[in-house]
């Protein structure tokens, strides 16, 4: 995982690199977990931008490492609340 200029570069299982634009970098201070929300700027069939969310560990050099998909309902709820408040401008 490489983060540079608000861009995240990830390798897939075949070793191909994919570039994503970072939308939001959040720390849940309650649980000391870092989240990143990112997109490849593609849209779904409804015309909505497809976004991805992962947890990560910050390396000593300041890079996002050990990205893992968000899987629990609590994590999705936390991220949804943040995104909803951004969309509503609160």
N, C-alpha and C. Protein backbone atom coordinates (compact mmCIF):
# COMPACT_ATOMS: atom_id res chain seq x y z
N UNK A 1 0.83 -1.17 0.00
CA UNK A 1 0.00 0.00 0.00
C UNK A 1 0.88 1.24 0.00
N UNK A 2 0.65 2.12 -0.93
CA UNK A 2 1.41 3.35 -1.04
C UNK A 2 0.44 4.51 -1.03
N UNK A 3 0.73 5.52 -0.22
CA UNK A 3 -0.11 6.70 -0.20
C UNK A 3 0.75 7.88 -0.65
N UNK A 4 0.27 8.60 -1.67
CA UNK A 4 1.02 9.74 -2.18
C UNK A 4 0.04 10.70 -2.83
N UNK A 5 0.11 11.96 -2.46
CA UNK A 5 -0.75 12.98 -3.06
C UNK A 5 -2.23 12.58 -3.03
N UNK A 6 -2.68 12.13 -1.88
CA UNK A 6 -4.08 11.75 -1.69
C UNK A 6 -4.50 10.59 -2.59
N UNK A 7 -3.53 9.76 -2.95
CA UNK A 7 -3.78 8.60 -3.80
C UNK A 7 -3.29 7.35 -3.08
N UNK A 8 -4.03 6.29 -3.21
CA UNK A 8 -3.68 5.01 -2.61
C UNK A 8 -3.46 4.02 -3.75
N UNK A 9 -2.33 3.36 -3.76
CA UNK A 9 -2.03 2.37 -4.79
C UNK A 9 -2.02 0.99 -4.12
N UNK A 10 -2.90 0.12 -4.59
CA UNK A 10 -3.01 -1.22 -4.02
C UNK A 10 -2.76 -2.25 -5.10
N UNK A 11 -2.18 -3.38 -4.70
CA UNK A 11 -1.97 -4.49 -5.62
C UNK A 11 -3.07 -5.52 -5.39
N UNK A 12 -3.58 -6.06 -6.50
CA UNK A 12 -4.57 -7.12 -6.38
C UNK A 12 -3.86 -8.46 -6.25
N UNK A 13 -4.62 -9.54 -6.17
CA UNK A 13 -4.03 -10.86 -5.95
C UNK A 13 -3.13 -11.31 -7.10
N UNK A 14 -3.28 -10.68 -8.27
CA UNK A 14 -2.43 -11.01 -9.42
C UNK A 14 -1.19 -10.13 -9.49
N UNK A 15 -1.07 -9.20 -8.55
CA UNK A 15 0.08 -8.31 -8.54
C UNK A 15 -0.10 -7.05 -9.36
N UNK A 16 -1.29 -6.84 -9.93
CA UNK A 16 -1.55 -5.63 -10.71
C UNK A 16 -1.83 -4.47 -9.77
N UNK A 17 -1.29 -3.30 -10.11
CA UNK A 17 -1.49 -2.12 -9.27
C UNK A 17 -2.75 -1.37 -9.71
N UNK A 18 -3.50 -0.91 -8.71
CA UNK A 18 -4.71 -0.12 -8.95
C UNK A 18 -4.62 1.15 -8.13
N UNK A 19 -4.97 2.26 -8.74
CA UNK A 19 -4.88 3.55 -8.07
C UNK A 19 -6.27 4.01 -7.62
N UNK A 20 -6.35 4.48 -6.40
CA UNK A 20 -7.60 4.96 -5.81
C UNK A 20 -7.39 6.36 -5.26
N UNK A 21 -8.44 7.16 -5.30
CA UNK A 21 -8.40 8.51 -4.74
C UNK A 21 -8.94 8.43 -3.32
N UNK A 22 -8.16 8.96 -2.37
CA UNK A 22 -8.58 8.95 -0.97
C UNK A 22 -9.60 10.05 -0.76
N UNK A 23 -10.77 9.66 -0.25
CA UNK A 23 -11.83 10.62 0.03
C UNK A 23 -11.76 11.12 1.47
N UNK A 24 -11.43 10.22 2.37
CA UNK A 24 -11.47 10.55 3.79
C UNK A 24 -10.55 9.64 4.57
N UNK A 25 -9.86 10.22 5.53
CA UNK A 25 -8.98 9.49 6.42
C UNK A 25 -9.49 9.81 7.83
N UNK A 26 -9.98 8.81 8.55
CA UNK A 26 -10.64 9.02 9.83
C UNK A 26 -9.95 8.20 10.91
N UNK A 27 -9.86 8.77 12.11
CA UNK A 27 -9.42 7.98 13.26
C UNK A 27 -10.57 7.90 14.24
N UNK A 28 -10.92 6.68 14.61
CA UNK A 28 -11.91 6.47 15.67
C UNK A 28 -11.14 6.50 16.98
N UNK A 29 -11.16 7.65 17.64
CA UNK A 29 -10.35 7.81 18.86
C UNK A 29 -10.86 6.93 19.99
N UNK A 30 -12.12 6.53 19.93
CA UNK A 30 -12.67 5.65 20.96
C UNK A 30 -11.98 4.30 20.94
N UNK A 31 -11.76 3.78 19.73
CA UNK A 31 -11.17 2.44 19.59
C UNK A 31 -9.74 2.47 19.06
N UNK A 32 -9.19 3.66 18.82
CA UNK A 32 -7.85 3.81 18.25
C UNK A 32 -7.69 3.02 16.95
N UNK A 33 -8.68 3.16 16.07
CA UNK A 33 -8.64 2.49 14.77
C UNK A 33 -8.65 3.56 13.68
N UNK A 34 -7.79 3.39 12.68
CA UNK A 34 -7.75 4.31 11.54
C UNK A 34 -8.54 3.70 10.39
N UNK A 35 -9.33 4.56 9.73
CA UNK A 35 -10.11 4.15 8.56
C UNK A 35 -9.75 5.03 7.39
N UNK A 36 -9.76 4.44 6.21
CA UNK A 36 -9.61 5.22 4.99
C UNK A 36 -10.78 4.86 4.07
N UNK A 37 -11.37 5.91 3.48
CA UNK A 37 -12.45 5.73 2.51
C UNK A 37 -11.90 6.20 1.18
N UNK A 38 -12.02 5.36 0.16
CA UNK A 38 -11.39 5.65 -1.13
C UNK A 38 -12.26 5.18 -2.27
N UNK A 39 -11.93 5.67 -3.48
CA UNK A 39 -12.71 5.33 -4.66
C UNK A 39 -11.82 5.21 -5.89
N UNK A 40 -12.29 4.46 -6.86
CA UNK A 40 -11.63 4.41 -8.17
C UNK A 40 -12.40 5.27 -9.17
N UNK A 41 -13.34 6.06 -8.64
CA UNK A 41 -14.16 6.99 -9.43
C UNK A 41 -15.08 6.31 -10.43
N UNK A 42 -15.33 5.02 -10.24
CA UNK A 42 -16.31 4.33 -11.07
C UNK A 42 -17.68 4.48 -10.42
N UNK A 43 -18.74 4.32 -11.22
CA UNK A 43 -20.09 4.44 -10.67
C UNK A 43 -20.83 3.12 -10.81
N UNK A 44 -21.82 2.93 -9.95
CA UNK A 44 -22.64 1.73 -10.04
C UNK A 44 -23.78 1.96 -11.03
N UNK A 45 -24.66 0.97 -11.16
CA UNK A 45 -25.74 1.07 -12.16
C UNK A 45 -26.70 2.22 -11.88
N UNK A 46 -26.72 2.73 -10.64
CA UNK A 46 -27.58 3.85 -10.29
C UNK A 46 -26.88 5.20 -10.47
N UNK A 47 -25.64 5.15 -10.96
CA UNK A 47 -24.90 6.39 -11.18
C UNK A 47 -24.21 6.92 -9.94
N UNK A 48 -24.19 6.13 -8.87
CA UNK A 48 -23.53 6.56 -7.64
C UNK A 48 -22.07 6.11 -7.64
N UNK A 49 -21.20 6.98 -7.10
CA UNK A 49 -19.79 6.64 -7.03
C UNK A 49 -19.58 5.46 -6.09
N UNK A 50 -18.77 4.50 -6.51
CA UNK A 50 -18.46 3.34 -5.69
C UNK A 50 -17.31 3.72 -4.75
N UNK A 51 -17.52 3.51 -3.45
CA UNK A 51 -16.50 3.81 -2.45
C UNK A 51 -16.14 2.54 -1.69
N UNK A 52 -14.93 2.51 -1.18
CA UNK A 52 -14.45 1.38 -0.39
C UNK A 52 -13.97 1.92 0.95
N UNK A 53 -14.04 1.09 1.98
CA UNK A 53 -13.56 1.49 3.30
C UNK A 53 -12.69 0.37 3.86
N UNK A 54 -11.57 0.77 4.45
CA UNK A 54 -10.65 -0.19 5.06
C UNK A 54 -10.11 0.38 6.36
N UNK A 55 -9.67 -0.52 7.22
CA UNK A 55 -8.90 -0.10 8.38
C UNK A 55 -7.43 -0.17 7.97
N UNK A 56 -6.59 0.56 8.68
CA UNK A 56 -5.17 0.49 8.37
C UNK A 56 -4.34 0.79 9.61
N UNK A 57 -3.06 0.46 9.50
CA UNK A 57 -2.07 0.79 10.53
C UNK A 57 -1.12 1.80 9.91
N UNK A 58 -0.82 2.86 10.64
CA UNK A 58 0.11 3.88 10.14
C UNK A 58 1.53 3.45 10.45
N UNK A 59 2.37 3.38 9.42
CA UNK A 59 3.76 2.98 9.61
C UNK A 59 4.55 4.14 10.20
N UNK A 60 5.75 3.86 10.74
CA UNK A 60 6.59 4.94 11.26
C UNK A 60 6.92 6.01 10.21
N UNK A 61 6.90 5.62 8.91
CA UNK A 61 7.17 6.57 7.83
C UNK A 61 5.93 7.35 7.43
N UNK A 62 4.78 7.03 8.05
CA UNK A 62 3.55 7.74 7.74
C UNK A 62 2.75 7.14 6.60
N UNK A 63 3.04 5.90 6.24
CA UNK A 63 2.30 5.23 5.17
C UNK A 63 1.19 4.35 5.75
N UNK A 64 0.12 4.19 4.99
CA UNK A 64 -0.95 3.28 5.38
C UNK A 64 -0.50 1.87 5.09
N UNK A 65 -0.52 1.01 6.11
CA UNK A 65 -0.12 -0.37 5.93
C UNK A 65 -1.18 -1.29 6.52
N UNK A 66 -1.09 -2.55 6.18
CA UNK A 66 -1.98 -3.59 6.71
C UNK A 66 -3.45 -3.23 6.50
N UNK A 67 -3.80 -2.80 5.29
CA UNK A 67 -5.20 -2.50 5.00
C UNK A 67 -6.04 -3.75 5.09
N UNK A 68 -7.18 -3.62 5.77
CA UNK A 68 -8.12 -4.73 5.89
C UNK A 68 -9.51 -4.17 5.63
N UNK A 69 -10.38 -4.97 4.98
CA UNK A 69 -11.73 -4.48 4.72
C UNK A 69 -12.51 -4.27 6.02
N UNK A 70 -13.40 -3.30 5.98
CA UNK A 70 -14.31 -3.08 7.10
C UNK A 70 -15.36 -4.17 7.04
N UNK A 71 -15.56 -4.88 8.15
CA UNK A 71 -16.45 -6.03 8.12
C UNK A 71 -17.56 -6.01 9.15
N UNK A 72 -17.36 -5.30 10.27
CA UNK A 72 -18.37 -5.38 11.32
C UNK A 72 -19.44 -4.31 11.15
N UNK A 73 -20.62 -4.61 11.66
CA UNK A 73 -21.73 -3.66 11.59
C UNK A 73 -21.39 -2.37 12.32
N UNK A 74 -20.69 -2.49 13.45
CA UNK A 74 -20.31 -1.31 14.23
C UNK A 74 -19.39 -0.39 13.42
N UNK A 75 -18.45 -0.97 12.69
CA UNK A 75 -17.55 -0.16 11.87
C UNK A 75 -18.32 0.51 10.72
N UNK A 76 -19.20 -0.24 10.08
CA UNK A 76 -20.00 0.35 9.01
C UNK A 76 -20.87 1.48 9.54
N UNK A 77 -21.46 1.29 10.72
CA UNK A 77 -22.29 2.33 11.33
C UNK A 77 -21.46 3.59 11.62
N UNK A 78 -20.26 3.40 12.15
CA UNK A 78 -19.38 4.54 12.46
C UNK A 78 -19.07 5.32 11.19
N UNK A 79 -18.68 4.61 10.13
CA UNK A 79 -18.33 5.27 8.86
C UNK A 79 -19.56 5.91 8.24
N UNK A 80 -20.71 5.24 8.30
CA UNK A 80 -21.95 5.80 7.74
C UNK A 80 -22.32 7.12 8.42
N UNK A 81 -22.17 7.17 9.74
CA UNK A 81 -22.48 8.41 10.46
C UNK A 81 -21.57 9.55 10.02
N UNK A 82 -20.31 9.26 9.83
CA UNK A 82 -19.36 10.29 9.37
C UNK A 82 -19.76 10.77 7.98
N UNK A 83 -20.02 9.84 7.07
CA UNK A 83 -20.38 10.21 5.70
C UNK A 83 -21.70 10.97 5.66
N UNK A 84 -22.67 10.53 6.45
CA UNK A 84 -23.96 11.23 6.50
C UNK A 84 -23.79 12.66 6.98
N UNK A 85 -22.94 12.86 8.00
CA UNK A 85 -22.76 14.22 8.52
C UNK A 85 -22.03 15.08 7.50
N UNK A 86 -21.15 14.50 6.70
CA UNK A 86 -20.47 15.27 5.66
C UNK A 86 -21.44 15.66 4.55
N UNK A 87 -22.30 14.72 4.16
CA UNK A 87 -23.27 15.00 3.10
C UNK A 87 -24.27 16.06 3.50
N UNK A 88 -24.65 16.06 4.78
CA UNK A 88 -25.64 17.04 5.24
C UNK A 88 -24.98 18.36 5.64
N UNK A 89 -23.66 18.38 5.65
CA UNK A 89 -22.94 19.62 5.95
C UNK A 89 -22.89 19.97 7.43
N UNK A 90 -23.08 18.98 8.29
CA UNK A 90 -23.06 19.23 9.74
C UNK A 90 -21.70 18.97 10.33
